[in-house]
Amino acid sequence: MDGRALALRQAAEHFDSGAFQRELARRVALPTESENPARADVLQRYLADEIAPALAAIGGGSSIHPSPVPGGQPFLIGQRLEDPSRPTVLVYGHGDVVRGHEGRWRDGRDPWALATDGERWYGRGTADNKGQHSINLAALAALHAARGGSLGFNLKLLVEMGEETGSPGLAAFCAAHRSELAADVLIASDGPRLRADRPTVYLGTRGVANFDLTLKLRDGGHHSGNWGGLLRNPGTVIANAIASLVDGRGRILVEGLRPPPIPPSVRRALADIEVGGGANDPAVDREWGEPGLTPAERVFGWNTVEVLAYTTGNPAQPVNAIPPEARAHLQLRFVVGTDASKLRAVVQAHLGEHGFGDVEVSEPVIMAATRLDPDNDWVRLAMQSIERTTGKKPALLPNLGGSLPNDVFADILGLPTVWVPHSYPACSQHAPNEHVLAPLMREGLLMMTGLFADVAALQFRRRARDALSAP
């Protein structure tokens, strides 16, 4: 039996014996709520009691570091260095979770106790992200055992405990520890598959920029019968200001907020991607968004402007008065090639040109967009490996529709980024009843074991990192 097949058998036995489930149950039992200051000691314990021993079991060392920002959460850096001529893989995960929402789970379930119901495993962190990084750690252990105490490549591991609060300090930490985290590729897992029945690889994320439009015209409301038709209504003005940014079918009207044309490699990757269709998915509005694009291109290859909140007057108790002010909270989801740093200036200038110059535009809060070229050799390796293991052609997403701090790895560390998620869209992530599907966990463990085994089998030349080939 070759090393890859033996590693896959080791991984399957680890799952089928119940050992993986016990590991995940132990990790779920630690209430690592990064939003809860009272859990600070639990965040530290998770790294010391769960991650460090898992790395030590495959001959790796680790160190725990405080956050470089006040009030931030800790980080763990681990490594197992075998041969400087072999590839180095950085694996990332986060051990923190959102609040448990005790008392709100179906059938009285405890969010900190792994509970099974058929194929579903319930518990906070099962999908985001304890279940996912536990799969990757278990895959590394299976490969290590099958190869007689070797991985066949150099491993670096980064686990943070503040992702659910926006990863405070992650960028500064990675910049300060750039040499310790230097690698040839990031291989990590977070987020959902495109669909439960289709393995998925994604290569980056859309960026996000949140901003406010505000217009205050006077102090206090004025009777709409006595003053209607004489006083500008800020609610009406803001509504029309929004309509000048994005039309009634969701098409962006501001050139500076639109992305460059979709690259051919991205179009090819999205050609067989079908969005939605799951049991709990909303129906896709086929006529919404940029004309001429497929649904997949609209969500993974294009920009969108969304109105997330809008207030004027008192919606709960409206009165017959022209309100004095109005505010709308908007969001730009954007792909690589969009200069979001100029968003405020672009929007302010556009509103001025359309007669809305007194509408104030806030400075946006931005998370950058990233996208690895789908033709990258690391992508080909991952796609071929997963199909070899599962017999299924994976979905390839050049980027997620959502956002996570992939820019830290792509831009600060300068790595090609390959993400292989193990959850699915209806997992109730961040909500009561968060869960994973046991068959997806098992398949994910085999996929990652096979992928790491194929990295070990690479004919690798460090002086030509793009020249990857399998024997």
Protein backbone atom coordinates (compact mmCIF):
# COMPACT_ATOMS: atom_id res chain seq x y z
CA MET A 1 0.00 0.00 0.00
CA ASP A 2 1.48 3.37 -1.00
CA GLY A 3 1.90 6.18 1.49
CA ARG A 4 -1.11 8.15 0.27
CA ALA A 5 -3.45 5.17 0.49
CA LEU A 6 -2.11 4.28 3.93
CA ALA A 7 -2.64 7.86 5.14
CA LEU A 8 -6.24 7.81 3.86
CA ARG A 9 -6.83 4.53 5.69
CA GLN A 10 -5.36 5.99 8.88
CA ALA A 11 -7.66 9.02 8.55
CA ALA A 12 -10.76 6.89 7.93
CA GLU A 13 -10.01 4.71 10.95
CA HIS A 14 -9.49 7.79 13.11
CA PHE A 15 -12.93 9.07 12.14
CA ASP A 16 -14.79 5.77 12.17
CA SER A 17 -13.43 4.81 15.60
CA GLY A 18 -15.03 7.87 17.16
CA ALA A 19 -11.66 9.41 18.04
CA PHE A 20 -12.22 12.48 15.89
CA GLN A 21 -15.64 13.06 17.42
CA ARG A 22 -14.15 12.87 20.90
CA GLU A 23 -11.48 15.41 19.97
CA LEU A 24 -14.08 17.80 18.62
CA ALA A 25 -16.32 17.32 21.67
CA ARG A 26 -13.44 18.24 23.96
CA ARG A 27 -12.76 21.41 21.98
CA VAL A 28 -16.42 22.42 21.74
CA ALA A 29 -16.63 22.09 25.55
CA LEU A 30 -14.28 25.05 25.94
CA PRO A 31 -16.46 28.20 25.71
CA THR A 32 -14.02 30.31 23.72
CA GLU A 33 -16.29 33.35 23.22
CA SER A 34 -13.95 36.10 22.05
CA GLU A 35 -16.75 38.67 22.39
CA ASN A 36 -16.98 37.88 26.12
CA PRO A 37 -14.15 39.45 28.21
CA ALA A 38 -14.82 36.93 30.98
CA ARG A 39 -13.57 34.14 28.68
CA ALA A 40 -10.01 35.48 28.30
CA ASP A 41 -8.50 32.61 30.29
CA VAL A 42 -10.42 30.05 28.20
CA LEU A 43 -8.96 31.49 24.98
CA GLN A 44 -5.46 30.98 26.36
CA ARG A 45 -6.32 27.46 27.57
CA TYR A 46 -7.60 26.43 24.16
CA LEU A 47 -4.24 27.16 22.61
CA ALA A 48 -2.24 25.61 25.45
CA ASP A 49 -4.40 22.53 26.10
CA GLU A 50 -5.68 21.67 22.61
CA ILE A 51 -3.58 23.12 19.80
CA ALA A 52 -0.09 22.86 21.29
CA PRO A 53 -0.50 19.15 22.24
CA ALA A 54 -1.91 18.32 18.79
CA LEU A 55 1.17 19.84 17.21
CA ALA A 56 3.52 18.17 19.69
CA ALA A 57 1.98 14.79 18.78
CA ILE A 58 3.44 15.15 15.27
CA GLY A 59 6.79 16.40 16.50
CA GLY A 60 6.10 20.11 16.21
CA GLY A 61 6.86 22.95 18.57
CA SER A 62 4.71 25.96 19.36
CA SER A 63 4.66 29.28 21.15
CA ILE A 64 1.77 31.41 22.39
CA HIS A 65 1.95 35.18 21.93
CA PRO A 66 -0.10 38.09 23.26
CA SER A 67 -1.90 40.31 20.82
CA PRO A 68 0.02 43.39 19.64
CA VAL A 69 -3.08 45.53 20.22
CA PRO A 70 -4.61 46.43 23.60
CA GLY A 71 -7.46 44.12 24.53
CA GLY A 72 -6.68 41.73 21.67
CA GLN A 73 -6.71 37.96 21.89
CA PRO A 74 -3.70 35.61 21.82
CA PHE A 75 -2.07 33.81 18.89
CA LEU A 76 -0.23 30.51 18.56
CA ILE A 77 2.58 29.88 16.08
CA GLY A 78 3.58 26.26 15.55
CA GLN A 79 6.03 24.60 13.24
CA ARG A 80 7.59 21.33 12.20
CA LEU A 81 10.57 21.93 9.91
CA GLU A 82 11.87 18.84 8.12
CA ASP A 83 13.91 19.90 5.09
CA PRO A 84 14.60 23.40 3.74
CA SER A 85 14.45 22.04 0.18
CA ARG A 86 10.86 20.85 0.65
CA PRO A 87 7.74 23.07 0.39
CA THR A 88 6.52 24.92 3.46
CA VAL A 89 2.77 25.01 4.10
CA LEU A 90 1.13 27.50 6.44
CA VAL A 91 -2.10 26.19 7.98
CA TYR A 92 -4.45 28.70 9.66
CA GLY A 93 -7.47 28.37 11.93
CA HIS A 94 -9.26 30.25 14.67
CA GLY A 95 -10.29 28.75 17.98
CA ASP A 96 -12.65 31.49 19.12
CA VAL A 97 -16.40 31.39 18.61
CA VAL A 98 -19.34 33.77 18.80
CA ARG A 99 -21.47 33.79 21.95
CA GLY A 100 -23.12 30.50 22.80
CA HIS A 101 -26.73 31.77 22.97
CA GLU A 102 -27.49 29.42 25.84
CA GLY A 103 -31.18 28.64 26.27
CA ARG A 104 -32.03 29.29 22.62
CA TRP A 105 -30.98 25.98 21.09
CA ARG A 106 -33.50 23.46 19.85
CA ASP A 107 -34.49 20.66 22.26
CA GLY A 108 -32.67 22.33 25.14
CA ARG A 109 -29.22 21.56 23.74
CA ASP A 110 -26.16 22.93 25.50
CA PRO A 111 -23.96 24.83 22.99
CA TRP A 112 -20.86 23.61 24.85
CA ALA A 113 -21.70 19.91 24.58
CA LEU A 114 -21.36 18.12 21.25
CA ALA A 115 -24.74 16.48 20.55
CA THR A 116 -25.59 14.15 17.69
CA ASP A 117 -28.89 13.78 15.88
CA GLY A 118 -28.55 11.46 12.92
CA GLU A 119 -25.88 12.89 10.64
CA ARG A 120 -25.87 16.25 12.44
CA TRP A 121 -23.36 17.14 15.14
CA TYR A 122 -24.51 20.19 17.14
CA GLY A 123 -22.34 22.54 19.17
CA ARG A 124 -20.88 26.02 19.10
CA GLY A 125 -17.79 26.00 16.93
CA THR A 126 -18.52 22.75 15.15
CA ALA A 127 -18.75 24.61 11.83
CA ASP A 128 -16.88 27.79 12.70
CA ASN A 129 -14.04 26.97 13.13
CA LYS A 130 -13.17 24.20 15.58
CA GLY A 131 -14.54 21.41 13.41
CA GLN A 132 -12.67 22.73 10.39
CA HIS A 133 -9.21 23.15 11.90
CA SER A 134 -9.67 19.89 13.83
CA ILE A 135 -10.06 18.15 10.46
CA ASN A 136 -6.81 19.67 9.22
CA LEU A 137 -4.91 18.75 12.39
CA ALA A 138 -6.23 15.20 12.21
CA ALA A 139 -5.24 14.95 8.53
CA LEU A 140 -1.70 16.02 9.36
CA ALA A 141 -1.57 13.42 12.14
CA ALA A 142 -2.79 10.68 9.78
CA LEU A 143 -0.12 11.56 7.21
CA HIS A 144 2.57 11.75 9.92
CA ALA A 145 1.66 8.27 11.16
CA ALA A 146 1.45 6.75 7.67
CA ARG A 147 4.89 8.10 6.73
CA GLY A 148 6.51 6.74 9.88
CA GLY A 149 6.97 10.06 11.62
CA SER A 150 7.37 12.47 8.72
CA LEU A 151 5.09 14.86 6.83
CA GLY A 152 7.23 15.17 3.72
CA PHE A 153 7.05 18.97 3.86
CA ASN A 154 7.59 21.77 6.34
CA LEU A 155 4.57 22.80 8.40
CA LYS A 156 3.77 26.14 9.99
CA LEU A 157 0.59 26.72 11.93
CA LEU A 158 -1.14 29.94 12.95
CA VAL A 159 -4.18 29.85 15.23
CA GLU A 160 -5.81 33.06 16.38
CA MET A 161 -8.43 33.59 19.06
CA GLY A 162 -10.07 36.81 17.88
CA GLU A 163 -11.47 36.17 14.39
CA GLU A 164 -15.06 36.58 15.56
CA THR A 165 -14.27 40.09 16.80
CA GLY A 166 -12.69 41.13 13.51
CA SER A 167 -9.18 39.64 14.01
CA PRO A 168 -7.80 42.60 15.98
CA GLY A 169 -4.03 42.64 15.75
CA LEU A 170 -3.80 39.88 13.13
CA ALA A 171 -2.26 42.11 10.47
CA ALA A 172 0.22 43.66 12.88
CA PHE A 173 1.07 40.25 14.34
CA CYS A 174 1.75 38.71 10.94
CA ALA A 175 3.83 41.70 9.87
CA ALA A 176 5.91 41.41 13.04
CA HIS A 177 6.33 37.62 12.65
CA ARG A 178 6.70 37.54 8.88
CA SER A 179 9.88 35.43 8.95
CA GLU A 180 8.40 32.88 11.36
CA LEU A 181 5.31 32.55 9.14
CA ALA A 182 7.15 32.52 5.81
CA ALA A 183 5.84 29.72 3.60
CA ASP A 184 5.16 28.73 0.02
CA VAL A 185 1.37 28.46 0.30
CA LEU A 186 -1.49 28.89 2.74
CA ILE A 187 -3.83 25.91 2.94
CA ALA A 188 -6.69 26.57 5.35
CA SER A 189 -10.37 25.89 5.99
CA ASP A 190 -13.21 28.23 6.93
CA GLY A 191 -16.67 29.04 5.65
CA PRO A 192 -19.10 26.78 3.81
CA ARG A 193 -18.92 24.73 0.66
CA LEU A 194 -20.92 25.97 -2.28
CA ARG A 195 -23.34 23.09 -1.61
CA ALA A 196 -23.31 20.23 0.85
CA ASP A 197 -22.85 17.64 -1.89
CA ARG A 198 -19.93 19.32 -3.68
CA PRO A 199 -16.40 19.80 -2.35
CA THR A 200 -15.29 23.39 -2.80
CA VAL A 201 -12.04 25.30 -3.16
CA TYR A 202 -11.92 29.08 -2.92
CA LEU A 203 -8.97 31.35 -3.45
CA GLY A 204 -9.78 34.62 -1.72
CA THR A 205 -12.67 36.80 -0.66
CA ARG A 206 -14.62 39.79 -1.84
CA GLY A 207 -13.74 42.91 0.08
CA VAL A 208 -16.25 44.86 2.12
CA ALA A 209 -16.62 48.58 2.80
CA ASN A 210 -19.37 49.84 5.10
CA PHE A 211 -20.32 53.52 5.06
CA ASP A 212 -23.13 55.89 6.12
CA LEU A 213 -25.08 58.53 4.25
CA THR A 214 -26.38 61.19 6.66
CA LEU A 215 -28.43 64.32 6.14
CA LYS A 216 -29.51 66.61 8.99
CA LEU A 217 -31.47 69.64 7.80
CA ARG A 218 -32.85 71.16 10.99
CA ASP A 219 -33.55 70.61 14.67
CA GLY A 220 -36.84 68.88 15.41
CA GLY A 221 -39.73 67.80 13.21
CA HIS A 222 -42.32 70.14 11.67
CA HIS A 223 -46.01 69.46 11.04
CA SER A 224 -46.41 67.91 7.59
CA GLY A 225 -49.74 69.67 7.01
CA ASN A 226 -48.41 73.13 7.76
CA TRP A 227 -44.94 72.69 6.26
CA GLY A 228 -45.28 69.91 3.70
CA GLY A 229 -44.16 71.17 0.30
CA LEU A 230 -42.09 73.92 1.88
CA LEU A 231 -39.39 71.97 3.71
CA ARG A 232 -36.99 69.46 2.19
CA ASN A 233 -37.61 66.03 3.58
CA PRO A 234 -34.27 64.35 4.45
CA GLY A 235 -35.83 60.91 4.10
CA THR A 236 -36.84 61.70 0.52
CA VAL A 237 -33.45 63.25 -0.26
CA ILE A 238 -31.49 60.25 1.07
CA ALA A 239 -33.78 57.85 -0.84
CA ASN A 240 -33.01 59.68 -4.07
CA ALA A 241 -29.32 59.90 -3.22
CA ILE A 242 -29.26 56.10 -2.88
CA ALA A 243 -31.16 55.78 -6.17
CA SER A 244 -28.38 57.75 -7.86
CA LEU A 245 -25.83 55.16 -6.61
CA VAL A 246 -27.71 51.97 -7.42
CA ASP A 247 -30.85 51.61 -9.54
CA GLY A 248 -34.09 49.80 -8.81
CA ARG A 249 -32.68 46.53 -10.17
CA GLY A 250 -29.48 46.57 -8.15
CA ARG A 251 -27.15 47.84 -10.89
CA ILE A 252 -24.32 50.09 -9.67
CA LEU A 253 -24.49 53.51 -11.36
CA VAL A 254 -21.20 54.98 -10.12
CA GLU A 255 -18.24 54.10 -12.33
CA GLY A 256 -15.80 54.32 -9.41
CA LEU A 257 -17.73 51.64 -7.51
CA ARG A 258 -17.83 49.20 -10.42
CA PRO A 259 -15.13 46.54 -10.84
CA PRO A 260 -12.93 45.93 -13.87
CA PRO A 261 -14.10 43.30 -16.37
CA ILE A 262 -14.16 39.73 -15.07
CA PRO A 263 -10.89 38.02 -16.08
CA PRO A 264 -11.20 35.04 -18.47
CA SER A 265 -9.73 32.62 -15.89
CA VAL A 266 -12.38 33.70 -13.38
CA ARG A 267 -15.17 33.30 -15.94
CA ARG A 268 -13.93 29.80 -16.73
CA ALA A 269 -13.85 28.86 -13.06
CA LEU A 270 -17.40 30.12 -12.53
CA ALA A 271 -18.85 28.53 -15.67
CA ASP A 272 -20.12 25.42 -13.85
CA ILE A 273 -21.04 27.11 -10.56
CA GLU A 274 -24.73 27.10 -9.66
CA VAL A 275 -25.73 29.40 -6.81
CA GLY A 276 -28.55 28.44 -4.46
CA GLY A 277 -30.95 25.58 -4.88
CA GLY A 278 -30.52 24.24 -1.35
CA ALA A 279 -33.48 23.33 0.82
CA ASN A 280 -33.13 26.47 2.96
CA ASP A 281 -31.80 28.83 0.30
CA PRO A 282 -33.85 31.83 -0.87
CA ALA A 283 -34.85 31.92 -4.52
CA VAL A 284 -32.37 33.81 -6.69
CA ASP A 285 -33.83 36.96 -8.28
CA ARG A 286 -32.75 36.39 -11.88
CA GLU A 287 -33.32 39.98 -13.01
CA TRP A 288 -31.45 41.58 -10.09
CA GLY A 289 -27.94 42.97 -10.35
CA GLU A 290 -25.59 43.62 -13.23
CA PRO A 291 -27.18 42.69 -16.59
CA GLY A 292 -25.47 40.07 -18.71
CA LEU A 293 -23.87 38.18 -15.83
CA THR A 294 -24.72 34.75 -14.52
CA PRO A 295 -25.78 34.50 -10.86
CA ALA A 296 -22.34 33.05 -10.02
CA GLU A 297 -20.58 35.95 -11.74
CA ARG A 298 -22.75 38.47 -9.92
CA VAL A 299 -21.90 37.16 -6.45
CA PHE A 300 -18.33 35.93 -6.95
CA GLY A 301 -17.02 38.12 -9.76
CA TRP A 302 -18.73 41.50 -9.42
CA ASN A 303 -19.42 44.33 -6.97
CA THR A 304 -22.69 45.03 -5.20
CA VAL A 305 -24.02 48.03 -3.28
CA GLU A 306 -26.42 47.00 -0.53
CA VAL A 307 -28.64 49.14 1.71
CA LEU A 308 -28.38 47.44 5.10
CA ALA A 309 -30.33 49.91 7.22
CA TYR A 310 -32.28 53.13 6.71
CA THR A 311 -33.95 55.36 9.28
CA THR A 312 -35.86 58.61 9.19
CA GLY A 313 -38.41 59.77 11.71
CA ASN A 314 -39.65 57.07 14.09
CA PRO A 315 -40.69 53.94 12.13
CA ALA A 316 -42.11 52.28 15.26
CA GLN A 317 -44.34 55.27 16.06
CA PRO A 318 -44.64 57.56 13.03
CA VAL A 319 -46.10 61.01 13.51
CA ASN A 320 -47.40 63.64 11.08
CA ALA A 321 -44.16 65.55 10.97
CA ILE A 322 -41.38 66.07 8.45
CA PRO A 323 -38.35 64.49 10.14
CA PRO A 324 -35.27 66.62 10.69
CA GLU A 325 -32.71 64.02 9.56
CA ALA A 326 -32.19 60.68 7.86
CA ARG A 327 -29.42 58.10 7.84
CA ALA A 328 -28.69 55.09 5.66
CA HIS A 329 -26.05 52.42 6.27
CA LEU A 330 -24.67 51.05 2.99
CA GLN A 331 -22.17 48.39 2.06
CA LEU A 332 -19.99 47.84 -0.97
CA ARG A 333 -18.96 44.23 -1.55
CA PHE A 334 -16.11 44.39 -4.05
CA VAL A 335 -13.69 42.20 -5.96
CA VAL A 336 -9.99 42.61 -6.72
CA GLY A 337 -9.31 45.63 -8.92
CA THR A 338 -11.67 47.99 -7.09
CA ASP A 339 -9.94 50.88 -5.30
CA ALA A 340 -12.08 51.00 -2.17
CA SER A 341 -9.69 53.46 -0.51
CA LYS A 342 -11.25 56.19 -2.70
CA LEU A 343 -14.84 55.22 -1.92
CA ARG A 344 -15.70 58.25 0.21
CA ALA A 345 -14.30 60.73 -2.31
CA VAL A 346 -15.97 58.93 -5.23
CA VAL A 347 -19.39 58.81 -3.56
CA GLN A 348 -19.19 62.39 -2.26
CA ALA A 349 -18.27 63.71 -5.72
CA HIS A 350 -21.03 61.69 -7.38
CA LEU A 351 -23.67 62.94 -4.94
CA GLY A 352 -22.50 66.51 -5.46
CA GLU A 353 -22.84 66.15 -9.23
CA HIS A 354 -26.41 64.89 -8.78
CA GLY A 355 -27.58 67.65 -6.45
CA PHE A 356 -27.01 65.87 -3.13
CA GLY A 357 -23.88 67.70 -2.04
CA ASP A 358 -25.09 68.24 1.53
CA VAL A 359 -25.44 64.50 2.17
CA GLU A 360 -22.50 63.49 4.34
CA VAL A 361 -20.56 60.34 3.48
CA SER A 362 -18.66 58.65 6.31
CA GLU A 363 -15.16 57.23 5.97
CA PRO A 364 -15.69 53.54 5.15
CA VAL A 365 -14.55 50.62 7.27
CA ILE A 366 -12.75 48.39 4.76
CA MET A 367 -11.63 44.79 4.55
CA ALA A 368 -9.58 44.25 1.39
CA ALA A 369 -10.45 41.93 -1.49
CA THR A 370 -8.18 39.05 -2.50
CA ARG A 371 -8.21 36.57 -5.34
CA LEU A 372 -5.59 34.02 -6.37
CA ASP A 373 -5.46 33.32 -10.11
CA PRO A 374 -7.46 30.11 -10.73
CA ASP A 375 -4.68 29.00 -13.10
CA ASN A 376 -2.12 28.95 -10.26
CA ASP A 377 -0.31 25.62 -9.87
CA TRP A 378 -1.27 25.28 -6.19
CA VAL A 379 -4.88 25.52 -7.28
CA ARG A 380 -4.42 22.80 -9.87
CA LEU A 381 -2.80 20.59 -7.24
CA ALA A 382 -5.69 21.06 -4.80
CA MET A 383 -8.37 20.50 -7.44
CA GLN A 384 -6.73 17.36 -8.81
CA SER A 385 -6.05 15.99 -5.33
CA ILE A 386 -9.61 16.46 -4.08
CA GLU A 387 -11.09 14.91 -7.21
CA ARG A 388 -8.68 11.97 -6.88
CA THR A 389 -9.79 11.40 -3.28
CA THR A 390 -13.54 11.91 -3.65
CA GLY A 391 -14.26 11.14 -7.29
CA LYS A 392 -16.08 14.48 -7.45
CA LYS A 393 -15.08 17.57 -9.40
CA PRO A 394 -14.75 20.34 -6.80
CA ALA A 395 -16.40 23.71 -7.24
CA LEU A 396 -13.74 26.36 -7.75
CA LEU A 397 -14.58 29.84 -6.48
CA PRO A 398 -11.96 32.49 -7.31
CA ASN A 399 -13.20 34.23 -4.19
CA LEU A 400 -15.99 33.91 -1.66
CA GLY A 401 -18.90 36.30 -1.88
CA GLY A 402 -18.27 37.14 1.79
CA SER A 403 -15.18 38.37 3.57
CA LEU A 404 -12.50 37.15 5.96
CA PRO A 405 -8.97 38.44 6.65
CA ASN A 406 -7.33 36.66 3.71
CA ASP A 407 -5.60 39.91 2.76
CA VAL A 408 -3.25 39.36 5.70
CA PHE A 409 -1.99 36.13 4.13
CA ALA A 410 -2.13 37.25 0.50
CA ASP A 411 -0.76 40.77 0.89
CA ILE A 412 1.28 40.93 4.12
CA LEU A 413 2.75 37.42 3.94
CA GLY A 414 2.64 37.32 0.13
CA LEU A 415 1.22 33.80 -0.11
CA PRO A 416 -0.96 32.02 -2.64
CA THR A 417 -4.05 31.12 -0.65
CA VAL A 418 -6.04 27.91 -1.08
CA TRP A 419 -9.10 27.44 1.14
CA VAL A 420 -10.93 24.11 1.42
CA PRO A 421 -14.10 24.54 3.54
CA HIS A 422 -15.73 21.65 5.43
CA SER A 423 -19.06 23.22 6.41
CA TYR A 424 -22.19 23.81 4.32
CA PRO A 425 -24.59 26.75 3.77
CA ALA A 426 -27.35 25.62 6.16
CA CYS A 427 -25.05 24.97 9.15
CA SER A 428 -26.58 27.79 11.31
CA GLN A 429 -23.15 29.34 11.73
CA HIS A 430 -23.22 32.15 14.34
CA ALA A 431 -26.77 31.19 15.34
CA PRO A 432 -28.34 28.76 17.79
CA ASN A 433 -28.25 25.17 16.48
CA GLU A 434 -24.87 25.49 14.77
CA HIS A 435 -23.94 22.08 13.42
CA VAL A 436 -21.92 20.09 10.92
CA LEU A 437 -22.77 17.03 8.87
CA ALA A 438 -20.81 13.93 9.86
CA PRO A 439 -20.44 12.68 6.26
CA LEU A 440 -18.92 16.05 5.26
CA MET A 441 -16.53 15.86 8.22
CA ARG A 442 -15.38 12.41 7.17
CA GLU A 443 -15.04 13.41 3.53
CA GLY A 444 -13.21 16.56 4.56
CA LEU A 445 -10.74 14.57 6.65
CA LEU A 446 -9.99 12.27 3.70
CA MET A 447 -9.73 15.24 1.31
CA MET A 448 -7.21 17.05 3.49
CA THR A 449 -5.20 13.92 4.17
CA GLY A 450 -4.97 13.29 0.44
CA LEU A 451 -4.08 16.93 -0.26
CA PHE A 452 -1.29 16.99 2.32
CA ALA A 453 -0.02 13.65 0.97
CA ASP A 454 0.09 15.13 -2.53
CA VAL A 455 2.04 18.15 -1.26
CA ALA A 456 4.54 15.69 0.23
CA ALA A 457 4.85 13.98 -3.17
CA LEU A 458 5.70 17.19 -5.06
CA GLN A 459 8.89 17.48 -7.08
CA PHE A 460 9.71 20.87 -5.57
CA ARG A 461 12.39 23.39 -6.48
CA ARG A 462 12.67 26.24 -4.02
CA ARG A 463 14.34 28.54 -6.54
CA ALA A 464 11.37 28.19 -8.87
CA ARG A 465 8.37 28.07 -6.61
CA ASP A 466 5.90 28.23 -9.47
CA ALA A 467 7.41 25.14 -11.08
CA LEU A 468 5.38 22.51 -9.23
CA SER A 469 4.94 19.06 -10.60
CA ALA A 470 3.79 15.74 -9.24
CA PRO A 471 5.79 12.59 -9.99
